[in-house]
Amino acid sequence: MTIQDRVRVHEVTLLSDNWYTLRTTAFDWRRNDGQWQRMHRETYDRGNGATLLPYDLQRRTVLLTRQFRYPAFVNGHDDLLIEAAAGLLDDAAPEERIRAEVEEELGFRLGEVRKVFECFMSPGSVTEKLHFFVAPYESSMRVGEGGGLAEEGEDIEVLELGIDEALAMVADGRIADAKTVMLLYHARLHVFSPG
């Protein structure tokens, strides 16, 4: 039996499509014991995305962004959020889109990029799947200042941090963005040797 055999959708109602799409759905779920149970769930569809951590092995540094995130602010985060460069795919291939995002946000045109995994970030309510990448960088790859696109409301500061400093910032809570934490730990385990 597939998951599709265990779901019977009854009604999908559009709640909002102002920024992205919010729907509520009534469906039946066939439980492990074979009984059907009526469920109601809201799903927020903002499309899939990609994120990337640039690293410099020789200097043991990474590039991150710092920017205002209203949803984090209203949930009590009274600071700018430190994050890995990221963006929605907007119908582009993940590698193509993340290269453009890194250039817009960080000001670097990368060479080789490597996909390391993909994950659902908040599968209880958000449909987004995020594609995770890492890539080496060096100063000669800088093609601009970064900072994002002002017409899209972006006001991004570029940070270059040592990997050990970045990991310490995760430990003390200064870095609290899930995708960034995941990429930093991946880099610690698979990119940088112990320092």
Protein backbone atom coordinates (compact mmCIF):
# COMPACT_ATOMS: atom_id res chain seq x y z
CA MET A 1 0.00 0.00 0.00
CA THR A 2 1.35 3.43 -0.93
CA ILE A 3 0.79 6.67 0.94
CA GLN A 4 -1.54 7.71 -1.89
CA ASP A 5 -3.73 4.72 -1.00
CA ARG A 6 -3.97 6.01 2.57
CA VAL A 7 -5.17 9.57 1.80
CA ARG A 8 -8.64 10.60 0.60
CA VAL A 9 -8.89 14.35 0.02
CA HIS A 10 -12.40 15.75 0.50
CA GLU A 11 -12.12 19.51 0.31
CA VAL A 12 -9.35 22.03 -0.35
CA THR A 13 -10.07 25.68 0.47
CA LEU A 14 -7.85 28.58 -0.56
CA LEU A 15 -7.31 30.86 2.44
CA SER A 16 -4.80 33.30 0.96
CA ASP A 17 -2.65 33.83 -2.10
CA ASN A 18 -1.44 37.29 -1.17
CA TRP A 19 2.29 36.47 -0.91
CA TYR A 20 2.33 32.70 -1.31
CA THR A 21 -0.49 30.15 -1.09
CA LEU A 22 -2.21 29.10 2.13
CA ARG A 23 -4.83 26.33 1.92
CA THR A 24 -6.86 24.30 4.38
CA THR A 25 -7.63 20.70 3.49
CA ALA A 26 -10.09 18.17 4.87
CA PHE A 27 -8.97 14.60 4.22
CA ASP A 28 -9.23 11.10 5.58
CA TRP A 29 -6.06 9.29 6.69
CA ARG A 30 -5.90 5.51 6.93
CA ARG A 31 -4.16 4.81 10.22
CA ASN A 32 -1.76 1.94 10.81
CA ASP A 33 -4.59 -0.07 12.39
CA GLY A 34 -6.62 0.24 9.15
CA GLN A 35 -9.17 2.74 10.52
CA TRP A 36 -9.92 5.94 8.60
CA GLN A 37 -9.61 9.22 10.53
CA ARG A 38 -10.82 12.65 9.34
CA MET A 39 -8.07 15.30 9.47
CA HIS A 40 -7.90 19.04 8.76
CA ARG A 41 -4.56 20.65 7.94
CA GLU A 42 -3.35 23.99 6.65
CA THR A 43 -0.47 24.02 4.17
CA TYR A 44 1.63 26.99 3.17
CA ASP A 45 3.09 26.66 -0.32
CA ARG A 46 5.92 29.05 -1.08
CA GLY A 47 7.69 26.84 -3.60
CA ASN A 48 10.96 24.95 -3.18
CA GLY A 49 14.28 26.61 -2.48
CA ALA A 50 18.04 26.24 -2.37
CA THR A 51 20.74 27.29 0.07
CA LEU A 52 24.54 27.27 -0.12
CA LEU A 53 27.50 27.64 2.23
CA PRO A 54 30.65 29.00 0.55
CA TYR A 55 33.86 27.91 2.29
CA ASP A 56 37.57 28.71 2.04
CA LEU A 57 39.55 25.69 3.24
CA GLN A 58 42.89 27.46 3.41
CA ARG A 59 41.59 30.37 5.50
CA ARG A 60 38.98 28.18 7.31
CA THR A 61 36.23 30.73 6.62
CA VAL A 62 32.62 30.70 5.45
CA LEU A 63 30.38 33.39 3.96
CA LEU A 64 27.01 34.13 5.58
CA THR A 65 24.38 36.85 5.45
CA ARG A 66 22.79 38.99 8.14
CA GLN A 67 19.33 40.45 7.56
CA PHE A 68 15.99 41.35 9.13
CA ARG A 69 13.36 38.59 9.15
CA TYR A 70 9.93 39.76 10.27
CA PRO A 71 8.57 36.28 11.23
CA ALA A 72 11.59 35.72 13.52
CA PHE A 73 11.11 39.21 15.00
CA VAL A 74 7.45 38.62 15.88
CA ASN A 75 8.48 35.35 17.54
CA GLY A 76 10.83 37.18 19.91
CA HIS A 77 14.12 37.31 17.94
CA ASP A 78 15.21 40.90 18.58
CA ASP A 79 18.21 40.90 16.24
CA LEU A 80 19.09 40.45 12.59
CA LEU A 81 19.20 36.79 11.54
CA ILE A 82 22.50 35.25 10.42
CA GLU A 83 21.89 32.85 7.53
CA ALA A 84 23.39 30.96 4.64
CA ALA A 85 22.56 32.49 1.25
CA ALA A 86 19.25 31.09 0.01
CA GLY A 87 16.31 31.68 -2.26
CA LEU A 88 13.26 30.18 -3.88
CA LEU A 89 13.74 28.26 -7.12
CA ASP A 90 11.14 30.23 -9.11
CA ASP A 91 10.99 27.44 -11.74
CA ALA A 92 14.79 27.32 -12.14
CA ALA A 93 17.02 24.30 -11.46
CA PRO A 94 18.36 24.33 -7.86
CA GLU A 95 22.02 24.79 -8.88
CA GLU A 96 21.17 27.57 -11.33
CA ARG A 97 19.05 29.41 -8.78
CA ILE A 98 21.53 29.15 -5.90
CA ARG A 99 24.36 30.48 -8.08
CA ALA A 100 22.24 33.56 -8.85
CA GLU A 101 21.29 33.99 -5.18
CA VAL A 102 24.93 33.80 -4.04
CA GLU A 103 25.87 36.46 -6.58
CA GLU A 104 22.96 38.72 -5.54
CA GLU A 105 23.36 38.25 -1.78
CA LEU A 106 27.10 37.69 -1.32
CA GLY A 107 28.62 39.22 -4.46
CA PHE A 108 30.53 36.06 -5.47
CA ARG A 109 30.40 34.13 -8.74
CA LEU A 110 31.22 30.56 -7.77
CA GLY A 111 32.95 27.83 -9.72
CA GLU A 112 32.15 24.28 -8.63
CA VAL A 113 29.10 23.81 -6.40
CA ARG A 114 28.20 20.50 -4.77
CA LYS A 115 24.76 19.40 -3.66
CA VAL A 116 24.95 17.68 -0.29
CA PHE A 117 21.30 16.84 0.53
CA GLU A 118 17.72 18.06 0.39
CA CYS A 119 15.20 18.34 3.23
CA PHE A 120 11.69 19.41 4.13
CA MET A 121 12.27 22.17 6.67
CA SER A 122 8.88 22.37 8.40
CA PRO A 123 6.79 19.49 6.99
CA GLY A 124 3.96 19.91 9.48
CA SER A 125 2.70 23.00 7.67
CA VAL A 126 5.07 24.20 4.92
CA THR A 127 5.40 22.34 1.61
CA GLU A 128 8.90 23.68 0.79
CA LYS A 129 11.76 21.30 0.08
CA LEU A 130 15.19 22.91 0.37
CA HIS A 131 18.23 21.85 -1.72
CA PHE A 132 21.50 22.25 0.21
CA PHE A 133 24.83 23.06 -1.47
CA VAL A 134 28.41 23.83 -0.50
CA ALA A 135 31.09 25.43 -2.67
CA PRO A 136 34.66 26.65 -2.33
CA TYR A 137 35.26 30.37 -2.75
CA GLU A 138 38.24 32.70 -2.91
CA SER A 139 38.54 36.48 -3.07
CA SER A 140 39.11 36.45 -6.87
CA MET A 141 35.50 35.22 -7.28
CA ARG A 142 34.07 38.49 -5.96
CA VAL A 143 32.10 40.25 -8.71
CA GLY A 144 30.08 42.71 -6.64
CA GLU A 145 29.18 43.95 -3.19
CA GLY A 146 26.26 41.59 -2.62
CA GLY A 147 23.51 42.84 -0.36
CA GLY A 148 20.55 41.43 -2.28
CA LEU A 149 18.02 43.23 -4.44
CA ALA A 150 16.57 46.41 -2.92
CA GLU A 151 13.49 46.13 -5.18
CA GLU A 152 12.72 42.80 -3.46
CA GLY A 153 13.07 44.38 -0.02
CA GLU A 154 16.48 42.82 0.61
CA ASP A 155 18.96 44.69 2.82
CA ILE A 156 21.66 42.08 3.39
CA GLU A 157 25.02 42.37 5.14
CA VAL A 158 27.74 39.94 4.04
CA LEU A 159 29.69 38.21 6.83
CA GLU A 160 32.93 36.29 6.51
CA LEU A 161 33.49 34.18 9.61
CA GLY A 162 35.94 31.52 10.67
CA ILE A 163 34.26 28.11 10.78
CA ASP A 164 35.10 27.72 14.49
CA GLU A 165 33.62 31.15 15.27
CA ALA A 166 30.47 30.32 13.28
CA LEU A 167 30.04 27.04 15.17
CA ALA A 168 30.53 28.86 18.49
CA MET A 169 27.77 31.26 17.38
CA VAL A 170 25.47 28.26 16.86
CA ALA A 171 26.30 26.99 20.34
CA ASP A 172 25.56 30.32 22.03
CA GLY A 173 22.43 31.07 19.98
CA ARG A 174 23.71 33.93 17.80
CA ILE A 175 23.10 31.71 14.76
CA ALA A 176 19.58 30.31 15.08
CA ASP A 177 18.54 29.62 11.47
CA ALA A 178 17.99 25.90 10.82
CA LYS A 179 19.36 25.72 7.26
CA THR A 180 22.50 27.56 8.36
CA VAL A 181 23.05 25.32 11.37
CA MET A 182 22.66 22.25 9.16
CA LEU A 183 25.17 23.55 6.60
CA LEU A 184 27.69 24.58 9.26
CA TYR A 185 27.57 21.16 10.90
CA HIS A 186 27.85 19.49 7.51
CA ALA A 187 30.92 21.64 6.79
CA ARG A 188 32.42 20.78 10.17
CA LEU A 189 31.96 17.04 9.55
CA HIS A 190 32.71 16.81 5.82
CA VAL A 191 34.61 19.89 4.64
CA PHE A 192 36.93 21.17 7.40
CA SER A 193 39.30 19.00 9.38
CA PRO A 194 39.34 19.55 13.15
CA GLY A 195 40.98 22.85 14.04
